[in-house]
Amino acid sequence: MELKNKTVVITGGSSGIGKATAIQYAKEGANVIIVYKEDGQGALSVKDLCAEYGGNHAIVKADLTNKNDIEKLVAFLAEKYHAIEILVNNAGIFMGSKTASDGEIFQAHFDVNLLSIVHVTDALLPLIKQGKIVMVSSIHGRLGHGRPEAAAYSAMKAALDNYTKNLAKELAPNILVNSVAPGKTMTSMWEGLSDAELSEEAAEQAIGRFITADEVADAILFLTKNDAMCGEILTIDGGMSLITLG
């Protein structure tokens, strides 16, 4: 799939993996719509960076747990772009818990990391006649991964992986659905940790360092360019599973 002049919607596009992915698509000549919930300044900054490569980019403020906001997003895209070719479901949260059975934490992760993705994908499907959908999952969602204090996050990523597989079966061959499952990636999530703590976290990956947001973005672009990948969950964990499951 050629990306030049294609229209790409990236949720959670104001920072981290979403930001890196937006810029990568812009470099390929795509039109990028950056969807954000709160960080409008960050979204504007990403749009400006994308504009350096030309294209017709935009930012849209939307809480994807709010159906009215999703409807406004769809209306904007239908009016300004008419159709889209690529959807990257990147928006998500991580909330740790001291117990594996914290109901409020599970509900929050269910609402944001699973149900909002189902709703926004369903709402945007009429605008995607032929194209690609990429989910941003996590190595935590894979069998045997995760930890008790991240049980809610891991459970919803596992559910997202299953949703990805079933959506891929439903939409192929016109729309190909895949997912990336990153390990520890250097984003704002890790801000506040000391150098010693960061080194300890990085040591859990065989590469001995954090994955960069650009490296995950590279994988997302690969999945959208490749027309033979369907229903795949591409692991980018820096060899974490070799250590944690080895």
C-alpha atoms as a PDB file:
ATOM      1  CA  MET A   1       0.000   0.000   0.000  1.00  0.00           C
ATOM      2  CA  GLU A   2       1.382   3.377  -1.028  1.00  0.00           C
ATOM      3  CA  LEU A   3       0.919   5.962   1.714  1.00  0.00           C
ATOM      4  CA  LYS A   4       1.239   9.151  -0.333  1.00  0.00           C
ATOM      5  CA  ASN A   5      -2.005  11.166  -0.230  1.00  0.00           C
ATOM      6  CA  LYS A   6      -3.668   8.571   1.983  1.00  0.00           C
ATOM      7  CA  THR A   7      -5.672   9.853   4.961  1.00  0.00           C
ATOM      8  CA  VAL A   8      -4.639   8.494   8.351  1.00  0.00           C
ATOM      9  CA  VAL A   9      -6.463   8.869  11.671  1.00  0.00           C
ATOM     10  CA  ILE A  10      -4.309   8.377  14.769  1.00  0.00           C
ATOM     11  CA  THR A  11      -5.947   8.359  18.187  1.00  0.00           C
ATOM     12  CA  GLY A  12      -3.773   9.433  21.087  1.00  0.00           C
ATOM     13  CA  GLY A  13      -1.639  11.258  18.547  1.00  0.00           C
ATOM     14  CA  SER A  14      -0.340  14.142  20.668  1.00  0.00           C
ATOM     15  CA  SER A  15       2.628  12.340  22.249  1.00  0.00           C
ATOM     16  CA  GLY A  16       4.630   9.139  22.514  1.00  0.00           C
ATOM     17  CA  ILE A  17       3.961   6.396  19.986  1.00  0.00           C
ATOM     18  CA  GLY A  18       1.098   8.375  18.428  1.00  0.00           C
ATOM     19  CA  LYS A  19       3.325  11.403  17.835  1.00  0.00           C
ATOM     20  CA  ALA A  20       6.128   9.326  16.321  1.00  0.00           C
ATOM     21  CA  THR A  21       3.646   7.498  14.090  1.00  0.00           C
ATOM     22  CA  ALA A  22       2.029  10.717  12.882  1.00  0.00           C
ATOM     23  CA  ILE A  23       5.375  12.159  11.829  1.00  0.00           C
ATOM     24  CA  GLN A  24       6.367   8.937  10.076  1.00  0.00           C
ATOM     25  CA  TYR A  25       3.154   8.957   8.039  1.00  0.00           C
ATOM     26  CA  ALA A  26       3.641  12.624   7.167  1.00  0.00           C
ATOM     27  CA  LYS A  27       7.135  11.833   5.879  1.00  0.00           C
ATOM     28  CA  GLU A  28       5.508   9.280   3.569  1.00  0.00           C
ATOM     29  CA  GLY A  29       3.203  11.970   2.142  1.00  0.00           C
ATOM     30  CA  ALA A  30       0.035  10.996   4.008  1.00  0.00           C
ATOM     31  CA  ASN A  31      -2.586  13.357   5.413  1.00  0.00           C
ATOM     32  CA  VAL A  32      -2.646  12.892   9.193  1.00  0.00           C
ATOM     33  CA  ILE A  33      -5.543  13.561  11.571  1.00  0.00           C
ATOM     34  CA  ILE A  34      -4.305  13.702  15.142  1.00  0.00           C
ATOM     35  CA  VAL A  35      -7.002  12.854  17.679  1.00  0.00           C
ATOM     36  CA  TYR A  36      -6.331  13.938  21.255  1.00  0.00           C
ATOM     37  CA  LYS A  37      -8.259  14.153  24.508  1.00  0.00           C
ATOM     38  CA  GLU A  38      -6.506  16.839  26.581  1.00  0.00           C
ATOM     39  CA  ASP A  39      -3.076  17.838  25.267  1.00  0.00           C
ATOM     40  CA  GLY A  40      -4.072  20.371  22.639  1.00  0.00           C
ATOM     41  CA  GLN A  41      -0.681  22.052  22.702  1.00  0.00           C
ATOM     42  CA  GLY A  42       1.008  18.717  22.093  1.00  0.00           C
ATOM     43  CA  ALA A  43      -1.370  17.947  19.238  1.00  0.00           C
ATOM     44  CA  LEU A  44      -0.663  21.333  17.617  1.00  0.00           C
ATOM     45  CA  SER A  45       3.055  20.687  17.932  1.00  0.00           C
ATOM     46  CA  VAL A  46       2.692  17.321  16.198  1.00  0.00           C
ATOM     47  CA  LYS A  47       0.609  18.899  13.447  1.00  0.00           C
ATOM     48  CA  ASP A  48       3.311  21.522  12.893  1.00  0.00           C
ATOM     49  CA  LEU A  49       5.977  18.825  12.681  1.00  0.00           C
ATOM     50  CA  CYS A  50       3.860  16.918  10.153  1.00  0.00           C
ATOM     51  CA  ALA A  51       3.332  20.093   8.108  1.00  0.00           C
ATOM     52  CA  GLU A  52       7.074  20.288   7.451  1.00  0.00           C
ATOM     53  CA  TYR A  53       6.533  17.463   4.951  1.00  0.00           C
ATOM     54  CA  GLY A  54       3.488  18.971   3.260  1.00  0.00           C
ATOM     55  CA  GLY A  55       0.048  17.378   3.349  1.00  0.00           C
ATOM     56  CA  ASN A  56      -3.379  18.286   4.682  1.00  0.00           C
ATOM     57  CA  HIS A  57      -3.185  17.618   8.412  1.00  0.00           C
ATOM     58  CA  ALA A  58      -5.629  18.331  11.226  1.00  0.00           C
ATOM     59  CA  ILE A  59      -6.162  17.929  14.947  1.00  0.00           C
ATOM     60  CA  VAL A  60      -9.442  16.879  16.581  1.00  0.00           C
ATOM     61  CA  LYS A  61     -10.240  17.006  20.280  1.00  0.00           C
ATOM     62  CA  ALA A  62     -12.302  13.975  21.315  1.00  0.00           C
ATOM     63  CA  ASP A  63     -12.933  11.863  24.385  1.00  0.00           C
ATOM     64  CA  LEU A  64     -13.353   8.472  22.752  1.00  0.00           C
ATOM     65  CA  THR A  65     -15.343   7.140  25.699  1.00  0.00           C
ATOM     66  CA  ASN A  66     -17.995   9.742  24.785  1.00  0.00           C
ATOM     67  CA  LYS A  67     -20.240   8.707  21.896  1.00  0.00           C
ATOM     68  CA  ASN A  68     -21.115  12.341  21.106  1.00  0.00           C
ATOM     69  CA  ASP A  69     -17.422  13.130  20.640  1.00  0.00           C
ATOM     70  CA  ILE A  70     -17.049  10.119  18.350  1.00  0.00           C
ATOM     71  CA  GLU A  71     -20.009  11.316  16.281  1.00  0.00           C
ATOM     72  CA  LYS A  72     -18.414  14.779  15.961  1.00  0.00           C
ATOM     73  CA  LEU A  73     -15.142  13.162  14.871  1.00  0.00           C
ATOM     74  CA  VAL A  74     -16.918  11.157  12.184  1.00  0.00           C
ATOM     75  CA  ALA A  75     -18.808  14.227  10.978  1.00  0.00           C
ATOM     76  CA  PHE A  76     -15.576  16.237  10.731  1.00  0.00           C
ATOM     77  CA  LEU A  77     -13.808  13.496   8.775  1.00  0.00           C
ATOM     78  CA  ALA A  78     -16.761  12.969   6.444  1.00  0.00           C
ATOM     79  CA  GLU A  79     -16.981  16.698   5.657  1.00  0.00           C
ATOM     80  CA  LYS A  80     -13.272  17.529   5.364  1.00  0.00           C
ATOM     81  CA  TYR A  81     -11.782  14.304   4.013  1.00  0.00           C
ATOM     82  CA  HIS A  82     -14.804  12.272   2.795  1.00  0.00           C
ATOM     83  CA  ALA A  83     -12.946   8.991   3.317  1.00  0.00           C
ATOM     84  CA  ILE A  84      -9.988   7.587   5.237  1.00  0.00           C
ATOM     85  CA  GLU A  85      -7.667   4.732   4.385  1.00  0.00           C
ATOM     86  CA  ILE A  86      -5.883   4.046   7.666  1.00  0.00           C
ATOM     87  CA  LEU A  87      -6.944   4.005  11.322  1.00  0.00           C
ATOM     88  CA  VAL A  88      -4.360   3.633  14.086  1.00  0.00           C
ATOM     89  CA  ASN A  89      -6.012   2.923  17.442  1.00  0.00           C
ATOM     90  CA  ASN A  90      -3.283   4.140  19.750  1.00  0.00           C
ATOM     91  CA  ALA A  91      -5.139   5.936  22.571  1.00  0.00           C
ATOM     92  CA  GLY A  92      -4.969   4.168  25.909  1.00  0.00           C
ATOM     93  CA  ILE A  93      -4.259   4.459  29.616  1.00  0.00           C
ATOM     94  CA  PHE A  94      -2.190   2.615  32.189  1.00  0.00           C
ATOM     95  CA  MET A  95      -3.254   2.683  35.827  1.00  0.00           C
ATOM     96  CA  GLY A  96      -1.426   0.408  38.218  1.00  0.00           C
ATOM     97  CA  SER A  97      -3.147  -1.135  41.215  1.00  0.00           C
ATOM     98  CA  LYS A  98      -1.988  -2.674  44.476  1.00  0.00           C
ATOM     99  CA  THR A  99      -4.465  -5.496  44.011  1.00  0.00           C
ATOM    100  CA  ALA A 100      -5.370  -7.568  40.973  1.00  0.00           C
ATOM    101  CA  SER A 101      -9.104  -7.192  41.636  1.00  0.00           C
ATOM    102  CA  ASP A 102      -9.615  -3.430  41.835  1.00  0.00           C
ATOM    103  CA  GLY A 103     -12.993  -2.961  40.165  1.00  0.00           C
ATOM    104  CA  GLU A 104     -12.589   0.761  39.461  1.00  0.00           C
ATOM    105  CA  ILE A 105      -9.243   0.195  37.747  1.00  0.00           C
ATOM    106  CA  PHE A 106     -10.717  -2.606  35.651  1.00  0.00           C
ATOM    107  CA  GLN A 107     -13.670  -0.410  34.634  1.00  0.00           C
ATOM    108  CA  ALA A 108     -11.411   2.471  33.603  1.00  0.00           C
ATOM    109  CA  HIS A 109      -9.235   0.188  31.477  1.00  0.00           C
ATOM    110  CA  PHE A 110     -12.287  -1.476  29.973  1.00  0.00           C
ATOM    111  CA  ASP A 111     -13.807   1.865  29.006  1.00  0.00           C
ATOM    112  CA  VAL A 112     -10.638   3.337  27.439  1.00  0.00           C
ATOM    113  CA  ASN A 113      -8.440   0.438  26.340  1.00  0.00           C
ATOM    114  CA  LEU A 114     -11.165  -1.744  24.871  1.00  0.00           C
ATOM    115  CA  LEU A 115     -14.688  -0.366  24.549  1.00  0.00           C
ATOM    116  CA  SER A 116     -13.688   3.057  23.167  1.00  0.00           C
ATOM    117  CA  ILE A 117     -11.620   1.301  20.498  1.00  0.00           C
ATOM    118  CA  VAL A 118     -14.574  -0.866  19.524  1.00  0.00           C
ATOM    119  CA  HIS A 119     -16.843   2.176  19.326  1.00  0.00           C
ATOM    120  CA  VAL A 120     -14.510   4.439  17.336  1.00  0.00           C
ATOM    121  CA  THR A 121     -13.598   1.633  14.941  1.00  0.00           C
ATOM    122  CA  ASP A 122     -17.240   0.790  14.333  1.00  0.00           C
ATOM    123  CA  ALA A 123     -18.080   4.464  13.793  1.00  0.00           C
ATOM    124  CA  LEU A 124     -15.270   5.030  11.290  1.00  0.00           C
ATOM    125  CA  LEU A 125     -15.746   1.856   9.251  1.00  0.00           C
ATOM    126  CA  PRO A 126     -18.218   3.488   6.806  1.00  0.00           C
ATOM    127  CA  LEU A 127     -15.431   5.912   5.851  1.00  0.00           C
ATOM    128  CA  ILE A 128     -12.922   3.131   5.153  1.00  0.00           C
ATOM    129  CA  LYS A 129     -13.867   1.469   1.899  1.00  0.00           C
ATOM    130  CA  GLN A 130     -10.485  -0.188   1.497  1.00  0.00           C
ATOM    131  CA  GLY A 131      -7.529   0.205   3.820  1.00  0.00           C
ATOM    132  CA  LYS A 132      -5.824  -0.780   7.033  1.00  0.00           C
ATOM    133  CA  ILE A 133      -6.513  -0.722  10.764  1.00  0.00           C
ATOM    134  CA  VAL A 134      -3.685  -1.066  13.275  1.00  0.00           C
ATOM    135  CA  MET A 135      -4.249  -1.545  16.999  1.00  0.00           C
ATOM    136  CA  VAL A 136      -1.587  -0.619  19.538  1.00  0.00           C
ATOM    137  CA  SER A 137      -1.688  -3.452  22.048  1.00  0.00           C
ATOM    138  CA  SER A 138       1.061  -4.511  24.465  1.00  0.00           C
ATOM    139  CA  ILE A 139       3.280  -7.449  25.298  1.00  0.00           C
ATOM    140  CA  HIS A 140       1.335  -7.462  28.582  1.00  0.00           C
ATOM    141  CA  GLY A 141      -1.633  -8.829  26.677  1.00  0.00           C
ATOM    142  CA  ARG A 142       0.195 -11.919  25.472  1.00  0.00           C
ATOM    143  CA  LEU A 143      -0.192 -15.300  27.172  1.00  0.00           C
ATOM    144  CA  GLY A 144       1.806 -15.478  30.401  1.00  0.00           C
ATOM    145  CA  HIS A 145       2.743 -11.802  30.487  1.00  0.00           C
ATOM    146  CA  GLY A 146       1.791  -8.996  32.809  1.00  0.00           C
ATOM    147  CA  ARG A 147       1.969  -8.733  36.581  1.00  0.00           C
ATOM    148  CA  PRO A 148      -0.644  -8.497  39.370  1.00  0.00           C
ATOM    149  CA  GLU A 149      -0.471  -4.700  39.689  1.00  0.00           C
ATOM    150  CA  ALA A 150      -1.074  -4.443  35.917  1.00  0.00           C
ATOM    151  CA  ALA A 151      -3.811  -7.080  35.776  1.00  0.00           C
ATOM    152  CA  ALA A 152      -6.493  -4.724  34.438  1.00  0.00           C
ATOM    153  CA  TYR A 153      -4.225  -3.306  31.746  1.00  0.00           C
ATOM    154  CA  SER A 154      -3.053  -6.792  30.728  1.00  0.00           C
ATOM    155  CA  ALA A 155      -6.586  -8.192  30.629  1.00  0.00           C
ATOM    156  CA  MET A 156      -7.863  -5.453  28.343  1.00  0.00           C
ATOM    157  CA  LYS A 157      -4.885  -5.748  26.007  1.00  0.00           C
ATOM    158  CA  ALA A 158      -5.543  -9.494  25.802  1.00  0.00           C
ATOM    159  CA  ALA A 159      -9.165  -8.725  24.959  1.00  0.00           C
ATOM    160  CA  LEU A 160      -8.003  -6.203  22.347  1.00  0.00           C
ATOM    161  CA  ASP A 161      -5.842  -8.888  20.739  1.00  0.00           C
ATOM    162  CA  ASN A 162      -8.870 -11.169  20.481  1.00  0.00           C
ATOM    163  CA  TYR A 163     -10.989  -8.348  19.054  1.00  0.00           C
ATOM    164  CA  THR A 164      -8.241  -7.677  16.502  1.00  0.00           C
ATOM    165  CA  LYS A 165      -8.289 -11.281  15.329  1.00  0.00           C
ATOM    166  CA  ASN A 166     -12.063 -11.408  14.962  1.00  0.00           C
ATOM    167  CA  LEU A 167     -12.307  -8.006  13.287  1.00  0.00           C
ATOM    168  CA  ALA A 168      -9.634  -9.125  10.820  1.00  0.00           C
ATOM    169  CA  LYS A 169     -11.742 -12.154   9.914  1.00  0.00           C
ATOM    170  CA  GLU A 170     -14.782  -9.965   9.404  1.00  0.00           C
ATOM    171  CA  LEU A 171     -13.256  -7.181   7.305  1.00  0.00           C
ATOM    172  CA  ALA A 172     -10.729  -8.930   5.053  1.00  0.00           C
ATOM    173  CA  PRO A 173      -9.928  -8.650   2.218  1.00  0.00           C
ATOM    174  CA  ASN A 174     -11.035  -5.011   1.798  1.00  0.00           C
ATOM    175  CA  ILE A 175      -9.773  -3.839   5.182  1.00  0.00           C
ATOM    176  CA  LEU A 176      -6.789  -5.565   6.762  1.00  0.00           C
ATOM    177  CA  VAL A 177      -6.572  -5.440  10.552  1.00  0.00           C
ATOM    178  CA  ASN A 178      -3.370  -6.018  12.518  1.00  0.00           C
ATOM    179  CA  SER A 179      -1.774  -5.018  15.791  1.00  0.00           C
ATOM    180  CA  VAL A 180       1.568  -4.168  17.353  1.00  0.00           C
ATOM    181  CA  ALA A 181       2.477  -5.400  20.836  1.00  0.00           C
ATOM    182  CA  PRO A 182       5.327  -3.272  22.210  1.00  0.00           C
ATOM    183  CA  GLY A 183       7.366  -3.968  25.296  1.00  0.00           C
ATOM    184  CA  LYS A 184       8.785  -1.184  27.446  1.00  0.00           C
ATOM    185  CA  THR A 185       8.820   1.871  25.213  1.00  0.00           C
ATOM    186  CA  MET A 186      10.279   5.211  26.260  1.00  0.00           C
ATOM    187  CA  THR A 187       7.258   7.493  26.542  1.00  0.00           C
ATOM    188  CA  SER A 188       5.970   9.942  29.154  1.00  0.00           C
ATOM    189  CA  MET A 189       4.657   6.964  31.117  1.00  0.00           C
ATOM    190  CA  TRP A 190       8.169   6.488  32.505  1.00  0.00           C
ATOM    191  CA  GLU A 191       8.759  10.104  33.489  1.00  0.00           C
ATOM    192  CA  GLY A 192       9.726  10.555  37.120  1.00  0.00           C
ATOM    193  CA  LEU A 193      11.834   7.424  37.428  1.00  0.00           C
ATOM    194  CA  SER A 194      15.465   7.809  38.406  1.00  0.00           C
ATOM    195  CA  ASP A 195      18.290   6.718  36.118  1.00  0.00           C
ATOM    196  CA  ALA A 196      18.822   3.674  38.343  1.00  0.00           C
ATOM    197  CA  GLU A 197      15.148   2.720  38.150  1.00  0.00           C
ATOM    198  CA  LEU A 198      15.103   3.163  34.370  1.00  0.00           C
ATOM    199  CA  SER A 199      18.171   0.952  34.043  1.00  0.00           C
ATOM    200  CA  GLU A 200      16.494  -1.719  36.156  1.00  0.00           C
ATOM    201  CA  GLU A 201      13.379  -1.618  33.999  1.00  0.00           C
ATOM    202  CA  ALA A 202      15.415  -1.700  30.770  1.00  0.00           C
ATOM    203  CA  ALA A 203      17.345  -4.747  31.988  1.00  0.00           C
ATOM    204  CA  GLU A 204      14.142  -6.810  31.664  1.00  0.00           C
ATOM    205  CA  GLN A 205      14.506  -6.615  27.869  1.00  0.00           C
ATOM    206  CA  ALA A 206      17.171  -8.624  26.088  1.00  0.00           C
ATOM    207  CA  ILE A 207      18.301  -5.578  24.127  1.00  0.00           C
ATOM    208  CA  GLY A 208      19.251  -3.951  27.443  1.00  0.00           C
ATOM    209  CA  ARG A 209      17.399  -0.698  26.769  1.00  0.00           C
ATOM    210  CA  PHE A 210      13.986   0.796  26.242  1.00  0.00           C
ATOM    211  CA  ILE A 211      12.344   0.565  22.832  1.00  0.00           C
ATOM    212  CA  THR A 212      11.914   3.962  21.148  1.00  0.00           C
ATOM    213  CA  ALA A 213       8.584   5.331  19.973  1.00  0.00           C
ATOM    214  CA  ASP A 214      10.069   5.600  16.476  1.00  0.00           C
ATOM    215  CA  GLU A 215      10.795   1.867  16.451  1.00  0.00           C
ATOM    216  CA  VAL A 216       7.157   1.088  17.233  1.00  0.00           C
ATOM    217  CA  ALA A 217       6.049   3.616  14.610  1.00  0.00           C
ATOM    218  CA  ASP A 218       8.235   1.827  12.049  1.00  0.00           C
ATOM    219  CA  ALA A 219       6.333  -1.391  12.775  1.00  0.00           C
ATOM    220  CA  ILE A 220       2.969   0.350  12.429  1.00  0.00           C
ATOM    221  CA  LEU A 221       3.979   1.697   9.024  1.00  0.00           C
ATOM    222  CA  PHE A 222       5.203  -1.743   8.004  1.00  0.00           C
ATOM    223  CA  LEU A 223       1.774  -3.219   8.780  1.00  0.00           C
ATOM    224  CA  THR A 224       0.040  -0.566   6.690  1.00  0.00           C
ATOM    225  CA  LYS A 225       2.383  -0.930   3.727  1.00  0.00           C
ATOM    226  CA  ASN A 226       2.263  -4.726   3.688  1.00  0.00           C
ATOM    227  CA  ASP A 227      -0.772  -6.187   1.928  1.00  0.00           C
ATOM    228  CA  ALA A 228      -0.208  -9.780   3.087  1.00  0.00           C
ATOM    229  CA  MET A 229      -0.461  -9.201   6.854  1.00  0.00           C
ATOM    230  CA  CYS A 230      -3.922  -9.938   8.244  1.00  0.00           C
ATOM    231  CA  GLY A 231      -4.903 -10.636  11.852  1.00  0.00           C
ATOM    232  CA  GLU A 232      -1.297 -10.531  13.035  1.00  0.00           C
ATOM    233  CA  ILE A 233      -0.024  -9.231  16.377  1.00  0.00           C
ATOM    234  CA  LEU A 234       3.494  -8.034  15.740  1.00  0.00           C
ATOM    235  CA  THR A 235       5.616  -8.287  18.888  1.00  0.00           C
ATOM    236  CA  ILE A 236       8.202  -5.561  19.461  1.00  0.00           C
ATOM    237  CA  ASP A 237       9.303  -6.325  22.997  1.00  0.00           C
ATOM    238  CA  GLY A 238      13.083  -6.033  22.765  1.00  0.00           C
ATOM    239  CA  GLY A 239      13.349  -9.690  23.731  1.00  0.00           C
ATOM    240  CA  MET A 240      11.447  -9.216  26.990  1.00  0.00           C
ATOM    241  CA  SER A 241       9.600 -12.488  26.489  1.00  0.00           C
ATOM    242  CA  LEU A 242      12.928 -14.321  26.145  1.00  0.00           C
ATOM    243  CA  ILE A 243      13.743 -13.221  29.671  1.00  0.00           C
ATOM    244  CA  THR A 244      10.360 -13.259  31.424  1.00  0.00           C
ATOM    245  CA  LEU A 245       9.175 -16.528  29.881  1.00  0.00           C
ATOM    246  CA  GLY A 246      12.534 -18.155  29.211  1.00  0.00           C
END
